PDB file of N, CA and C in Angstrom:
ATOM      1  N   MET A   1      64.037  78.439 121.820  1.00  0.00           N
ATOM      2  CA  MET A   1      65.274  77.519 121.815  1.00  0.00           C
ATOM      3  C   MET A   1      65.760  78.153 120.121  1.00  0.00           C
ATOM      4  N   LYS A   2      64.381  78.435 119.684  1.00  0.00           N
ATOM      5  CA  LYS A   2      64.419  78.764 118.422  1.00  0.00           C
ATOM      6  C   LYS A   2      65.394  80.254 118.325  1.00  0.00           C
ATOM      7  N   PRO A   3      64.969  80.916 118.722  1.00  0.00           N
ATOM      8  CA  PRO A   3      66.497  81.910 119.343  1.00  0.00           C
ATOM      9  C   PRO A   3      68.050  82.039 118.733  1.00  0.00           C
ATOM     10  N   PHE A   4      68.371  81.038 119.532  1.00  0.00           N
ATOM     11  CA  PHE A   4      69.626  80.122 119.727  1.00  0.00           C
ATOM     12  C   PHE A   4      69.146  79.614 118.732  1.00  0.00           C
ATOM     13  N   PHE A   5      68.688  79.046 117.846  1.00  0.00           N
ATOM     14  CA  PHE A   5      69.756  78.657 116.542  1.00  0.00           C
ATOM     15  C   PHE A   5      70.093  79.593 115.496  1.00  0.00           C
ATOM     16  N   ARG A   6      68.337  80.094 115.262  1.00  0.00           N
ATOM     17  CA  ARG A   6      69.258  81.809 114.317  1.00  0.00           C
ATOM     18  C   ARG A   6      69.892  82.497 114.807  1.00  0.00           C
ATOM     19  N   LEU A   7      71.026  83.033 116.724  1.00  0.00           N
ATOM     20  CA  LEU A   7      72.108  83.304 116.651  1.00  0.00           C
ATOM     21  C   LEU A   7      73.695  82.612 115.707  1.00  0.00           C
ATOM     22  N   MET A   8      73.040  81.074 116.472  1.00  0.00           N
ATOM     23  CA  MET A   8      74.319  80.254 115.501  1.00  0.00           C
ATOM     24  C   MET A   8      74.323  80.849 114.742  1.00  0.00           C
ATOM     25  N   ALA A   9      73.103  79.850 113.714  1.00  0.00           N
ATOM     26  CA  ALA A   9      72.938  80.664 112.359  1.00  0.00           C
ATOM     27  C   ALA A   9      73.865  81.699 111.983  1.00  0.00           C
ATOM     28  N   LEU A  10      73.749  82.602 112.483  1.00  0.00           N
ATOM     29  CA  LEU A  10      73.774  83.749 111.784  1.00  0.00           C
ATOM     30  C   LEU A  10      75.847  83.981 112.590  1.00  0.00           C
ATOM     31  N   CYS A  11      76.535  83.604 113.567  1.00  0.00           N
ATOM     32  CA  CYS A  11      77.091  83.951 114.176  1.00  0.00           C
ATOM     33  C   CYS A  11      78.274  83.122 113.160  1.00  0.00           C
ATOM     34  N   SER A  12      77.421  81.836 112.252  1.00  0.00           N
ATOM     35  CA  SER A  12      78.835  80.542 111.998  1.00  0.00           C
ATOM     36  C   SER A  12      78.914  81.534 110.199  1.00  0.00           C
ATOM     37  N   LEU A  13      77.596  82.015 109.753  1.00  0.00           N
ATOM     38  CA  LEU A  13      77.230  82.962 108.756  1.00  0.00           C
ATOM     39  C   LEU A  13      78.608  84.302 108.931  1.00  0.00           C
ATOM     40  N   LEU A  14      78.806  84.323 109.447  1.00  0.00           N
ATOM     41  CA  LEU A  14      79.997  85.658 110.122  1.00  0.00           C
ATOM     42  C   LEU A  14      80.751  84.777 109.829  1.00  0.00           C
ATOM     43  N   VAL A  15      81.176  83.997 111.148  1.00  0.00           N
ATOM     44  CA  VAL A  15      82.789  83.302 111.034  1.00  0.00           C
ATOM     45  C   VAL A  15      83.023  82.744 109.484  1.00  0.00           C
ATOM     46  N   PHE A  16      81.936  82.257 108.952  1.00  0.00           N
ATOM     47  CA  PHE A  16      82.492  82.019 107.091  1.00  0.00           C
ATOM     48  C   PHE A  16      82.296  83.042 106.357  1.00  0.00           C
ATOM     49  N   THR A  17      82.240  84.099 106.174  1.00  0.00           N
ATOM     50  CA  THR A  17      82.394  85.749 105.996  1.00  0.00           C
ATOM     51  C   THR A  17      83.868  85.305 105.907  1.00  0.00           C
ATOM     52  N   ALA A  18      84.325  85.807 107.458  1.00  0.00           N
ATOM     53  CA  ALA A  18      85.926  86.857 107.425  1.00  0.00           C
ATOM     54  C   ALA A  18      86.409  85.386 106.891  1.00  0.00           C
ATOM     55  N   LEU A  19      86.070  84.266 107.455  1.00  0.00           N
ATOM     56  CA  LEU A  19      87.177  82.944 106.667  1.00  0.00           C
ATOM     57  C   LEU A  19      87.135  83.650 105.194  1.00  0.00           C
ATOM     58  N   MET A  20      86.700  83.503 104.325  1.00  0.00           N
ATOM     59  CA  MET A  20      86.305  83.542 103.367  1.00  0.00           C
ATOM     60  C   MET A  20      87.668  84.925 102.937  1.00  0.00           C
ATOM     61  N   ILE A  21      86.899  86.630 103.121  1.00  0.00           N
ATOM     62  CA  ILE A  21      87.681  87.128 102.861  1.00  0.00           C
ATOM     63  C   ILE A  21      89.615  86.844 102.789  1.00  0.00           C
ATOM     64  N   SER A  22      89.750  86.458 104.266  1.00  0.00           N
ATOM     65  CA  SER A  22      90.605  86.125 104.808  1.00  0.00           C
ATOM     66  C   SER A  22      91.297  84.934 104.403  1.00  0.00           C
ATOM     67  N   SER A  23      91.276  84.190 103.683  1.00  0.00           N
ATOM     68  CA  SER A  23      91.792  83.503 102.558  1.00  0.00           C
ATOM     69  C   SER A  23      91.378  84.151 101.037  1.00  0.00           C
ATOM     70  N   CYS A  24      91.488  84.976 100.550  1.00  0.00           N
ATOM     71  CA  CYS A  24      91.145  85.799  99.466  1.00  0.00           C
ATOM     72  C   CYS A  24      93.051  86.216  99.136  1.00  0.00           C
ATOM     73  N   GLY A  25      93.911  86.786 100.276  1.00  0.00           N
ATOM     74  CA  GLY A  25      95.053  87.163  99.816  1.00  0.00           C
ATOM     75  C   GLY A  25      95.374  88.656 100.000  1.00  0.00           C
ATOM     76  N   GLY A  26      96.433  88.395  99.859  1.00  0.00           N
ATOM     77  CA  GLY A  26      96.552  89.923 100.130  1.00  0.00           C
ATOM     78  C   GLY A  26      95.810  91.263  99.564  1.00  0.00           C
ATOM     79  N   ASP A  27      95.755  91.099  97.861  1.00  0.00           N
ATOM     80  CA  ASP A  27      94.725  92.460  97.604  1.00  0.00           C
ATOM     81  C   ASP A  27      93.144  92.729  97.995  1.00  0.00           C
ATOM     82  N   THR A  28      93.395  91.898  98.636  1.00  0.00           N
ATOM     83  CA  THR A  28      91.572  91.789  99.301  1.00  0.00           C
ATOM     84  C   THR A  28      92.264  92.264 100.743  1.00  0.00           C
ATOM     85  N   GLU A  29      93.019  92.680 101.660  1.00  0.00           N
ATOM     86  CA  GLU A  29      93.102  93.083 102.779  1.00  0.00           C
ATOM     87  C   GLU A  29      93.383  94.608 102.324  1.00  0.00           C
ATOM     88  N   ASN A  30      94.433  94.355 101.149  1.00  0.00           N
ATOM     89  CA  ASN A  30      94.773  95.527 100.744  1.00  0.00           C
ATOM     90  C   ASN A  30      93.605  96.614 101.063  1.00  0.00           C
ATOM     91  N   PHE A  31      92.517  95.937  99.653  1.00  0.00           N
ATOM     92  CA  PHE A  31      91.294  96.994  99.464  1.00  0.00           C
ATOM     93  C   PHE A  31      90.758  97.347 100.304  1.00  0.00           C
ATOM     94  N   VAL A  32      90.208  96.477 101.427  1.00  0.00           N
ATOM     95  CA  VAL A  32      89.215  96.749 102.887  1.00  0.00           C
ATOM     96  C   VAL A  32      90.261  97.343 103.068  1.00  0.00           C
ATOM     97  N   GLN A  33      91.265  97.938 103.561  1.00  0.00           N
ATOM     98  CA  GLN A  33      92.510  98.748 104.102  1.00  0.00           C
ATOM     99  C   GLN A  33      92.072 100.118 103.711  1.00  0.00           C
ATOM    100  N   GLY A  34      91.762  99.965 102.181  1.00  0.00           N
ATOM    101  CA  GLY A  34      91.844 101.172 101.204  1.00  0.00           C
ATOM    102  C   GLY A  34      93.684 101.658 100.943  1.00  0.00           C
ATOM    103  N   ASN A  35      94.529 100.369 100.430  1.00  0.00           N
ATOM    104  CA  ASN A  35      95.216 101.274  99.564  1.00  0.00           C
ATOM    105  C   ASN A  35      95.675 100.572  98.176  1.00  0.00           C
ATOM    106  N   GLY A  36      96.036 100.908  98.197  1.00  0.00           N
ATOM    107  CA  GLY A  36      96.075 101.505  96.342  1.00  0.00           C
ATOM    108  C   GLY A  36      97.490 100.311  96.079  1.00  0.00           C
ATOM    109  N   LYS A  37      97.894  99.603  94.232  1.00  0.00           N
ATOM    110  CA  LYS A  37      98.867  99.542  94.080  1.00  0.00           C
ATOM    111  C   LYS A  37      99.457 100.090  93.089  1.00  0.00           C
ATOM    112  N   VAL A  38     100.754 100.816  93.475  1.00  0.00           N
ATOM    113  CA  VAL A  38     101.585 101.501  92.231  1.00  0.00           C
ATOM    114  C   VAL A  38     102.180 100.410  92.358  1.00  0.00           C
ATOM    115  N   THR A  39     103.221 100.348  90.767  1.00  0.00           N
ATOM    116  CA  THR A  39     104.075  99.460  90.725  1.00  0.00           C
ATOM    117  C   THR A  39     105.365 101.280  90.416  1.00  0.00           C
ATOM    118  N   VAL A  40     106.442 100.913  90.502  1.00  0.00           N
ATOM    119  CA  VAL A  40     107.463 101.432  90.077  1.00  0.00           C
ATOM    120  C   VAL A  40     108.229 101.430  89.203  1.00  0.00           C
ATOM    121  N   THR A  41     108.501 101.850  87.959  1.00  0.00           N
ATOM    122  CA  THR A  41     110.324 101.171  87.105  1.00  0.00           C
ATOM    123  C   THR A  41     111.286 102.088  86.334  1.00  0.00           C
ATOM    124  N   VAL A  42     112.798 101.673  87.271  1.00  0.00           N
ATOM    125  CA  VAL A  42     113.086 102.107  86.565  1.00  0.00           C
ATOM    126  C   VAL A  42     114.148 102.023  85.564  1.00  0.00           C
ATOM    127  N   LYS A  43     114.384 102.917  84.492  1.00  0.00           N
ATOM    128  CA  LYS A  43     115.326 102.616  83.426  1.00  0.00           C
ATOM    129  C   LYS A  43     115.677 103.185  83.627  1.00  0.00           C
ATOM    130  N   ASN A  44     117.312 102.971  82.329  1.00  0.00           N
ATOM    131  CA  ASN A  44     117.286 104.268  81.784  1.00  0.00           C
ATOM    132  C   ASN A  44     117.136 105.033  79.981  1.00  0.00           C
ATOM    133  N   ASN A  45     117.625 106.001  80.087  1.00  0.00           N
ATOM    134  CA  ASN A  45     117.025 106.110  78.461  1.00  0.00           C
ATOM    135  C   ASN A  45     117.399 105.139  77.304  1.00  0.00           C
ATOM    136  N   VAL A  46     118.388 104.441  77.407  1.00  0.00           N
ATOM    137  CA  VAL A  46     117.873 103.347  76.235  1.00  0.00           C
ATOM    138  C   VAL A  46     117.197 101.925  76.835  1.00  0.00           C
ATOM    139  N   GLY A  47     116.773 101.991  77.620  1.00  0.00           N
ATOM    140  CA  GLY A  47     114.796 100.743  78.465  1.00  0.00           C
ATOM    141  C   GLY A  47     115.939  99.496  78.955  1.00  0.00           C
ATOM    142  N   THR A  48     116.757  99.733  79.620  1.00  0.00           N
ATOM    143  CA  THR A  48     117.952  99.043  80.625  1.00  0.00           C
ATOM    144  C   THR A  48     117.053  99.198  82.091  1.00  0.00           C
ATOM    145  N   ALA A  49     117.081  98.177  82.888  1.00  0.00           N
ATOM    146  CA  ALA A  49     116.306  97.961  83.939  1.00  0.00           C
ATOM    147  C   ALA A  49     117.534  98.671  85.031  1.00  0.00           C
ATOM    148  N   LEU A  50     117.149  99.310  85.524  1.00  0.00           N
ATOM    149  CA  LEU A  50     118.499 100.388  87.078  1.00  0.00           C
ATOM    150  C   LEU A  50     118.743  99.582  88.139  1.00  0.00           C
ATOM    151  N   ASP A  51     119.034  98.584  88.909  1.00  0.00           N
ATOM    152  CA  ASP A  51     118.675  97.933  90.009  1.00  0.00           C
ATOM    153  C   ASP A  51     120.036  99.080  90.515  1.00  0.00           C
ATOM    154  N   ASN A  52     119.712  99.018  92.387  1.00  0.00           N
ATOM    155  CA  ASN A  52     120.995  99.492  93.271  1.00  0.00           C
ATOM    156  C   ASN A  52     120.095 101.653  93.402  1.00  0.00           C
ATOM    157  N   VAL A  53     118.643 101.503  92.893  1.00  0.00           N
ATOM    158  CA  VAL A  53     118.717 102.850  93.679  1.00  0.00           C
ATOM    159  C   VAL A  53     117.454 103.031  94.235  1.00  0.00           C
ATOM    160  N   LYS A  54     117.412 103.620  94.925  1.00  0.00           N
ATOM    161  CA  LYS A  54     116.748 104.352  96.084  1.00  0.00           C
ATOM    162  C   LYS A  54     115.743 104.647  95.259  1.00  0.00           C
ATOM    163  N   ILE A  55     114.186 104.136  96.228  1.00  0.00           N
ATOM    164  CA  ILE A  55     113.291 105.407  95.612  1.00  0.00           C
ATOM    165  C   ILE A  55     112.404 105.201  96.915  1.00  0.00           C
ATOM    166  N   ASP A  56     112.305 106.272  97.289  1.00  0.00           N
ATOM    167  CA  ASP A  56     111.140 106.855  97.772  1.00  0.00           C
ATOM    168  C   ASP A  56     109.702 107.712  98.194  1.00  0.00           C
ATOM    169  N   ALA A  57     108.561 107.378  99.057  1.00  0.00           N
ATOM    170  CA  ALA A  57     107.970 107.709  98.281  1.00  0.00           C
ATOM    171  C   ALA A  57     107.141 108.318  99.818  1.00  0.00           C
ATOM    172  N   HIS A  58     107.404 109.996  99.164  1.00  0.00           N
ATOM    173  CA  HIS A  58     106.921 110.806 100.485  1.00  0.00           C
ATOM    174  C   HIS A  58     105.557 110.888 100.206  1.00  0.00           C
ATOM    175  N   ALA A  59     105.005 110.488 101.495  1.00  0.00           N
ATOM    176  CA  ALA A  59     103.661 111.264 101.779  1.00  0.00           C
ATOM    177  C   ALA A  59     103.020 112.991 101.559  1.00  0.00           C
ATOM    178  N   GLY A  60     102.410 113.161 100.954  1.00  0.00           N
ATOM    179  CA  GLY A  60     102.061 115.340 100.621  1.00  0.00           C
ATOM    180  C   GLY A  60     102.539 115.542 100.547  1.00  0.00           C
ATOM    181  N   SER A  61     103.469 115.630  99.909  1.00  0.00           N
ATOM    182  CA  SER A  61     105.262 117.088  99.446  1.00  0.00           C
ATOM    183  C   SER A  61     105.960 115.509  99.523  1.00  0.00           C
ATOM    184  N   PRO A  62     106.825 116.635  98.401  1.00  0.00           N
ATOM    185  CA  PRO A  62     108.319 115.884  97.974  1.00  0.00           C
ATOM    186  C   PRO A  62     108.929 116.013  99.102  1.00  0.00           C
ATOM    187  N   THR A  63     109.271 116.859 100.245  1.00  0.00           N
ATOM    188  CA  THR A  63     109.859 116.711 101.378  1.00  0.00           C
ATOM    189  C   THR A  63     109.032 116.283 102.660  1.00  0.00           C
ATOM    190  N   GLY A  64     108.006 115.775 102.216  1.00  0.00           N
ATOM    191  CA  GLY A  64     106.939 115.407 103.682  1.00  0.00           C
ATOM    192  C   GLY A  64     107.486 113.523 103.885  1.00  0.00           C
ATOM    193  N   THR A  65     106.807 112.961 105.170  1.00  0.00           N
ATOM    194  CA  THR A  65     107.055 111.819 105.602  1.00  0.00           C
ATOM    195  C   THR A  65     107.971 110.463 104.172  1.00  0.00           C
ATOM    196  N   ILE A  66     108.451 109.526 104.870  1.00  0.00           N
ATOM    197  CA  ILE A  66     108.518 108.957 104.336  1.00  0.00           C
ATOM    198  C   ILE A  66     107.301 107.890 104.093  1.00  0.00           C
ATOM    199  N   ALA A  67     106.941 107.673 103.459  1.00  0.00           N
ATOM    200  CA  ALA A  67     105.745 106.691 103.379  1.00  0.00           C
ATOM    201  C   ALA A  67     106.235 104.912 103.519  1.00  0.00           C
ATOM    202  N   ALA A  68     107.079 104.905 102.191  1.00  0.00           N
ATOM    203  CA  ALA A  68     107.811 103.698 102.001  1.00  0.00           C
ATOM    204  C   ALA A  68     108.811 104.362 100.704  1.00  0.00           C
ATOM    205  N   ASN A  69     110.070 103.176 101.407  1.00  0.00           N
ATOM    206  CA  ASN A  69     110.756 103.095 100.250  1.00  0.00           C
ATOM    207  C   ASN A  69     111.844 101.507 100.298  1.00  0.00           C
ATOM    208  N   THR A  70     111.869 101.680  99.690  1.00  0.00           N
ATOM    209  CA  THR A  70     112.775  99.931  98.595  1.00  0.00           C
ATOM    210  C   THR A  70     114.481 100.443  98.088  1.00  0.00           C
ATOM    211  N   ILE A  71     115.164  99.848  97.674  1.00  0.00           N
ATOM    212  CA  ILE A  71     115.980  99.885  96.734  1.00  0.00           C
ATOM    213  C   ILE A  71     115.524  98.055  95.561  1.00  0.00           C
ATOM    214  N   THR A  72     115.988  98.880  94.579  1.00  0.00           N
ATOM    215  CA  THR A  72     115.826  97.952  93.265  1.00  0.00           C
ATOM    216  C   THR A  72     116.379  97.557  93.244  1.00  0.00           C
ATOM    217  N   GLY A  73     115.768  95.824  92.932  1.00  0.00           N
ATOM    218  CA  GLY A  73     117.144  95.046  92.399  1.00  0.00           C
ATOM    219  C   GLY A  73     116.850  94.873  90.770  1.00  0.00           C
ATOM    220  N   ALA A  74     117.140  94.028  90.153  1.00  0.00           N
ATOM    221  CA  ALA A  74     117.218  93.774  88.695  1.00  0.00           C
ATOM    222  C   ALA A  74     116.231  93.925  87.807  1.00  0.00           C
ATOM    223  N   SER A  75     115.435  93.503  89.143  1.00  0.00           N
ATOM    224  CA  SER A  75     113.911  94.417  87.495  1.00  0.00           C
ATOM    225  C   SER A  75     113.526  95.023  87.534  1.00  0.00           C
ATOM    226  N   GLY A  76     114.333  96.612  88.263  1.00  0.00           N
ATOM    227  CA  GLY A  76     114.136  97.758  88.621  1.00  0.00           C
ATOM    228  C   GLY A  76     112.733  97.699  88.903  1.00  0.00           C
ATOM    229  N   SER A  77     112.240  97.631  89.145  1.00  0.00           N
ATOM    230  CA  SER A  77     110.650  97.928  89.876  1.00  0.00           C
ATOM    231  C   SER A  77     110.600  97.043  91.079  1.00  0.00           C
ATOM    232  N   PHE A  78     109.592  97.623  91.594  1.00  0.00           N
ATOM    233  CA  PHE A  78     107.973  97.737  92.619  1.00  0.00           C
ATOM    234  C   PHE A  78     107.533  97.429  92.972  1.00  0.00           C
ATOM    235  N   ASP A  79     106.716  96.872  93.909  1.00  0.00           N
ATOM    236  CA  ASP A  79     105.410  97.108  94.414  1.00  0.00           C
ATOM    237  C   ASP A  79     105.309  97.636  95.613  1.00  0.00           C
ATOM    238  N   PHE A  80     104.483  99.288  94.995  1.00  0.00           N
ATOM    239  CA  PHE A  80     104.546  99.320  96.913  1.00  0.00           C
ATOM    240  C   PHE A  80     102.978  99.300  96.818  1.00  0.00           C
ATOM    241  N   GLN A  81     101.824  99.864  98.012  1.00  0.00           N
ATOM    242  CA  GLN A  81     101.322  99.143  98.894  1.00  0.00           C
ATOM    243  C   GLN A  81     100.527 100.974  99.772  1.00  0.00           C
ATOM    244  N   LEU A  82     100.297 102.047  98.675  1.00  0.00           N
ATOM    245  CA  LEU A  82      99.827 103.225  99.278  1.00  0.00           C
ATOM    246  C   LEU A  82      98.644 103.357  99.508  1.00  0.00           C
ATOM    247  N   GLN A  83      98.090 103.964 100.648  1.00  0.00           N
ATOM    248  CA  GLN A  83      96.792 104.548 101.208  1.00  0.00           C
ATOM    249  C   GLN A  83      96.153 105.120 100.244  1.00  0.00           C
ATOM    250  N   VAL A  84      94.942 105.249 100.010  1.00  0.00           N
ATOM    251  CA  VAL A  84      94.391 105.583  98.587  1.00  0.00           C
ATOM    252  C   VAL A  84      94.203 107.398  98.849  1.00  0.00           C
ATOM    253  N   GLY A  85      94.086 108.095  98.465  1.00  0.00           N
ATOM    254  CA  GLY A  85      93.792 109.205  99.033  1.00  0.00           C
ATOM    255  C   GLY A  85      94.319 110.155  98.407  1.00  0.00           C
ATOM    256  N   THR A  86      95.684 109.609  99.032  1.00  0.00           N
ATOM    257  CA  THR A  86      96.421 110.849  99.255  1.00  0.00           C
ATOM    258  C   THR A  86      97.589 111.289  97.996  1.00  0.00           C
ATOM    259  N   ASP A  87      98.060 112.393  98.413  1.00  0.00           N
ATOM    260  CA  ASP A  87      99.098 112.478  97.208  1.00  0.00           C
ATOM    261  C   ASP A  87     100.690 111.765  97.078  1.00  0.00           C
ATOM    262  N   TYR A  88     101.526 110.676  96.881  1.00  0.00           N
ATOM    263  CA  TYR A  88     102.725 110.237  96.690  1.00  0.00           C
ATOM    264  C   TYR A  88     104.068 111.247  96.510  1.00  0.00           C
ATOM    265  N   TYR A  89     105.045 111.492  96.473  1.00  0.00           N
ATOM    266  CA  TYR A  89     105.993 112.458  95.738  1.00  0.00           C
ATOM    267  C   TYR A  89     107.241 110.998  95.858  1.00  0.00           C
ATOM    268  N   PHE A  90     107.536 111.049  94.599  1.00  0.00           N
ATOM    269  CA  PHE A  90     108.565 109.742  94.422  1.00  0.00           C
ATOM    270  C   PHE A  90     109.642 110.105  93.626  1.00  0.00           C
ATOM    271  N   THR A  91     111.121 110.286  94.550  1.00  0.00           N
ATOM    272  CA  THR A  91     112.413 110.602  94.685  1.00  0.00           C
ATOM    273  C   THR A  91     113.105 109.094  94.265  1.00  0.00           C
ATOM    274  N   PHE A  92     114.380 109.355  93.824  1.00  0.00           N
ATOM    275  CA  PHE A  92     115.299 108.503  92.876  1.00  0.00           C
ATOM    276  C   PHE A  92     116.461 109.569  93.552  1.00  0.00           C
ATOM    277  N   THR A  93     117.154 107.797  94.384  1.00  0.00           N
ATOM    278  CA  THR A  93     118.915 108.363  94.312  1.00  0.00           C
ATOM    279  C   THR A  93     119.908 107.374  93.855  1.00  0.00           C
ATOM    280  N   ASP A  94     120.615 107.623  92.317  1.00  0.00           N
ATOM    281  CA  ASP A  94     121.296 106.087  92.612  1.00  0.00           C
ATOM    282  C   ASP A  94     122.673 105.899  93.471  1.00  0.00           C
ATOM    283  N   LEU A  95     122.816 104.918  93.882  1.00  0.00           N
ATOM    284  CA  LEU A  95     123.374 104.121  95.077  1.00  0.00           C
ATOM    285  C   LEU A  95     124.506 103.626  94.797  1.00  0.00           C
ATOM    286  N   ASN A  96     125.310 103.437  93.026  1.00  0.00           N
ATOM    287  CA  ASN A  96     126.077 102.625  92.620  1.00  0.00           C
ATOM    288  C   ASN A  96     127.348 103.719  93.253  1.00  0.00           C
ATOM    289  N   VAL A  97     128.595 102.963  93.324  1.00  0.00           N
ATOM    290  CA  VAL A  97     129.720 103.985  92.736  1.00  0.00           C
ATOM    291  C   VAL A  97     129.920 104.915  91.998  1.00  0.00           C
ATOM    292  N   VAL A  98     129.687 105.246  90.485  1.00  0.00           N
ATOM    293  CA  VAL A  98     129.698 105.289  89.655  1.00  0.00           C
ATOM    294  C   VAL A  98     128.169 105.460  90.024  1.00  0.00           C
ATOM    295  N   PRO A  99     127.975 106.937  89.495  1.00  0.00           N
ATOM    296  CA  PRO A  99     126.893 107.589  89.888  1.00  0.00           C
ATOM    297  C   PRO A  99     125.864 107.334  88.111  1.00  0.00           C
ATOM    298  N   ARG A 100     124.915 106.303  87.449  1.00  0.00           N
ATOM    299  CA  ARG A 100     124.635 106.465  86.650  1.00  0.00           C
ATOM    300  C   ARG A 100     123.430 107.434  86.496  1.00  0.00           C
ATOM    301  N   PHE A 101     122.815 109.061  86.735  1.00  0.00           N
ATOM    302  CA  PHE A 101     122.507 110.112  86.797  1.00  0.00           C
ATOM    303  C   PHE A 101     122.273 110.465  87.690  1.00  0.00           C
ATOM    304  N   VAL A 102     121.619 112.161  88.042  1.00  0.00           N
ATOM    305  CA  VAL A 102     122.554 113.592  89.082  1.00  0.00           C
ATOM    306  C   VAL A 102     120.251 112.964  90.212  1.00  0.00           C
ATOM    307  N   THR A 103     121.683 112.917  91.777  1.00  0.00           N
ATOM    308  CA  THR A 103     120.952 112.599  92.618  1.00  0.00           C
ATOM    309  C   THR A 103     121.012 113.642  93.349  1.00  0.00           C
ATOM    310  N   PRO A 104     119.631 114.037  94.137  1.00  0.00           N
ATOM    311  CA  PRO A 104     118.526 113.868  93.873  1.00  0.00           C
ATOM    312  C   PRO A 104     118.070 114.448  92.311  1.00  0.00           C
ATOM    313  N   HIS A 105     116.698 112.743  91.686  1.00  0.00           N
ATOM    314  CA  HIS A 105     116.364 113.912  90.734  1.00  0.00           C
ATOM    315  C   HIS A 105     115.550 114.904  90.068  1.00  0.00           C
ATOM    316  N   ALA A 106     115.905 115.322  89.684  1.00  0.00           N
ATOM    317  CA  ALA A 106     115.350 116.281  88.802  1.00  0.00           C
ATOM    318  C   ALA A 106     113.680 116.821  89.807  1.00  0.00           C
ATOM    319  N   ASP A 107     112.638 116.464  89.593  1.00  0.00           N
ATOM    320  CA  ASP A 107     111.195 116.919  89.947  1.00  0.00           C
ATOM    321  C   ASP A 107     110.796 115.610  91.273  1.00  0.00           C
ATOM    322  N   PRO A 108     110.502 115.984  91.763  1.00  0.00           N
ATOM    323  CA  PRO A 108     109.443 114.158  92.300  1.00  0.00           C
ATOM    324  C   PRO A 108     107.901 114.274  91.189  1.00  0.00           C
ATOM    325  N   THR A 109     107.858 112.698  91.206  1.00  0.00           N
ATOM    326  CA  THR A 109     107.191 112.600  90.477  1.00  0.00           C
ATOM    327  C   THR A 109     105.921 111.973  91.291  1.00  0.00           C
ATOM    328  N   ILE A 110     104.548 112.536  90.557  1.00  0.00           N
ATOM    329  CA  ILE A 110     103.524 112.488  91.775  1.00  0.00           C
ATOM    330  C   ILE A 110     102.417 111.798  91.184  1.00  0.00           C
ATOM    331  N   ILE A 111     102.169 110.815  92.530  1.00  0.00           N
ATOM    332  CA  ILE A 111     100.935 109.826  92.238  1.00  0.00           C
ATOM    333  C   ILE A 111     100.290 109.782  92.897  1.00  0.00           C
ATOM    334  N   LYS A 112      98.815 108.866  92.562  1.00  0.00           N
ATOM    335  CA  LYS A 112      97.901 109.247  94.050  1.00  0.00           C
ATOM    336  C   LYS A 112      97.312 108.580  93.321  1.00  0.00           C
ATOM    337  N   PRO A 113      97.218 106.504  93.937  1.00  0.00           N
ATOM    338  CA  PRO A 113      96.947 105.039  94.476  1.00  0.00           C
ATOM    339  C   PRO A 113      96.007 105.257  93.815  1.00  0.00           C
ATOM    340  N   LEU A 114      95.327 104.320  92.754  1.00  0.00           N
ATOM    341  CA  LEU A 114      93.844 104.091  92.580  1.00  0.00           C
ATOM    342  C   LEU A 114      92.917 102.961  94.151  1.00  0.00           C
ATOM    343  N   LEU A 115      92.217 102.727  94.410  1.00  0.00           N
ATOM    344  CA  LEU A 115      91.659 101.395  94.797  1.00  0.00           C
ATOM    345  C   LEU A 115      91.148 100.729  94.006  1.00  0.00           C
ATOM    346  N   THR A 116      90.931 100.979  92.999  1.00  0.00           N
ATOM    347  CA  THR A 116      90.653  99.422  91.486  1.00  0.00           C
ATOM    348  C   THR A 116      90.787  99.273  90.463  1.00  0.00           C
ATOM    349  N   SER A 117      92.478 100.289  90.969  1.00  0.00           N
ATOM    350  CA  SER A 117      93.754  99.394  90.019  1.00  0.00           C
ATOM    351  C   SER A 117      95.049 100.076  89.980  1.00  0.00           C
ATOM    352  N   THR A 118      95.795  99.394  89.049  1.00  0.00           N
ATOM    353  CA  THR A 118      97.365  99.204  90.010  1.00  0.00           C
ATOM    354  C   THR A 118      97.681 100.805  88.617  1.00  0.00           C
ATOM    355  N   VAL A 119      98.715 102.041  89.432  1.00  0.00           N
ATOM    356  CA  VAL A 119      99.472 102.516  88.520  1.00  0.00           C
ATOM    357  C   VAL A 119     100.725 102.191  88.845  1.00  0.00           C
ATOM    358  N   THR A 120     100.637 102.463  87.170  1.00  0.00           N
ATOM    359  CA  THR A 120     101.862 102.211  86.999  1.00  0.00           C
ATOM    360  C   THR A 120     102.540 103.830  86.487  1.00  0.00           C
ATOM    361  N   LEU A 121     104.312 103.583  87.053  1.00  0.00           N
ATOM    362  CA  LEU A 121     104.982 104.913  87.409  1.00  0.00           C
ATOM    363  C   LEU A 121     106.333 103.913  86.802  1.00  0.00           C
ATOM    364  N   ASN A 122     106.790 104.281  85.007  1.00  0.00           N
ATOM    365  CA  ASN A 122     108.277 104.002  84.294  1.00  0.00           C
ATOM    366  C   ASN A 122     109.287 104.988  84.381  1.00  0.00           C
ATOM    367  N   GLU A 123     109.754 106.068  85.424  1.00  0.00           N
ATOM    368  CA  GLU A 123     110.532 106.332  85.878  1.00  0.00           C
ATOM    369  C   GLU A 123     111.845 105.992  84.672  1.00  0.00           C
ATOM    370  N   VAL A 124     112.076 107.582  83.842  1.00  0.00           N
ATOM    371  CA  VAL A 124     113.378 106.707  83.089  1.00  0.00           C
ATOM    372  C   VAL A 124     114.651 108.261  83.166  1.00  0.00           C
ATOM    373  N   LEU A 125     115.548 108.071  83.919  1.00  0.00           N
ATOM    374  CA  LEU A 125     116.869 107.959  84.904  1.00  0.00           C
ATOM    375  C   LEU A 125     117.892 108.233  83.372  1.00  0.00           C
TER     376      LEU A 125
END
């Protein structure tokens, strides 16, 4: 009977640990999955946030597979969760009817996500 109780105690501990990790939220899950947070903010040359800008994160090269993309809102920023250990090239496309900057933007910006801290990209277009 003693081995049964040991097994039950071990299983209970494993279930408790799994529940604690899952209750911690998205950042813990991203850490476990090896994702890093990259915050991208798009502004013009006077510091005003630009909405309606398409941001593409290309994996591995400027023309690589698009790993993630978004269109900025009023804040001009977006948080990407991207795989650590990969270089990401960010490209920006103005979707306004009257363009505010040249599309495609000059050279793509290279970012490598970190597991332990947020990488911030402040792009002035």
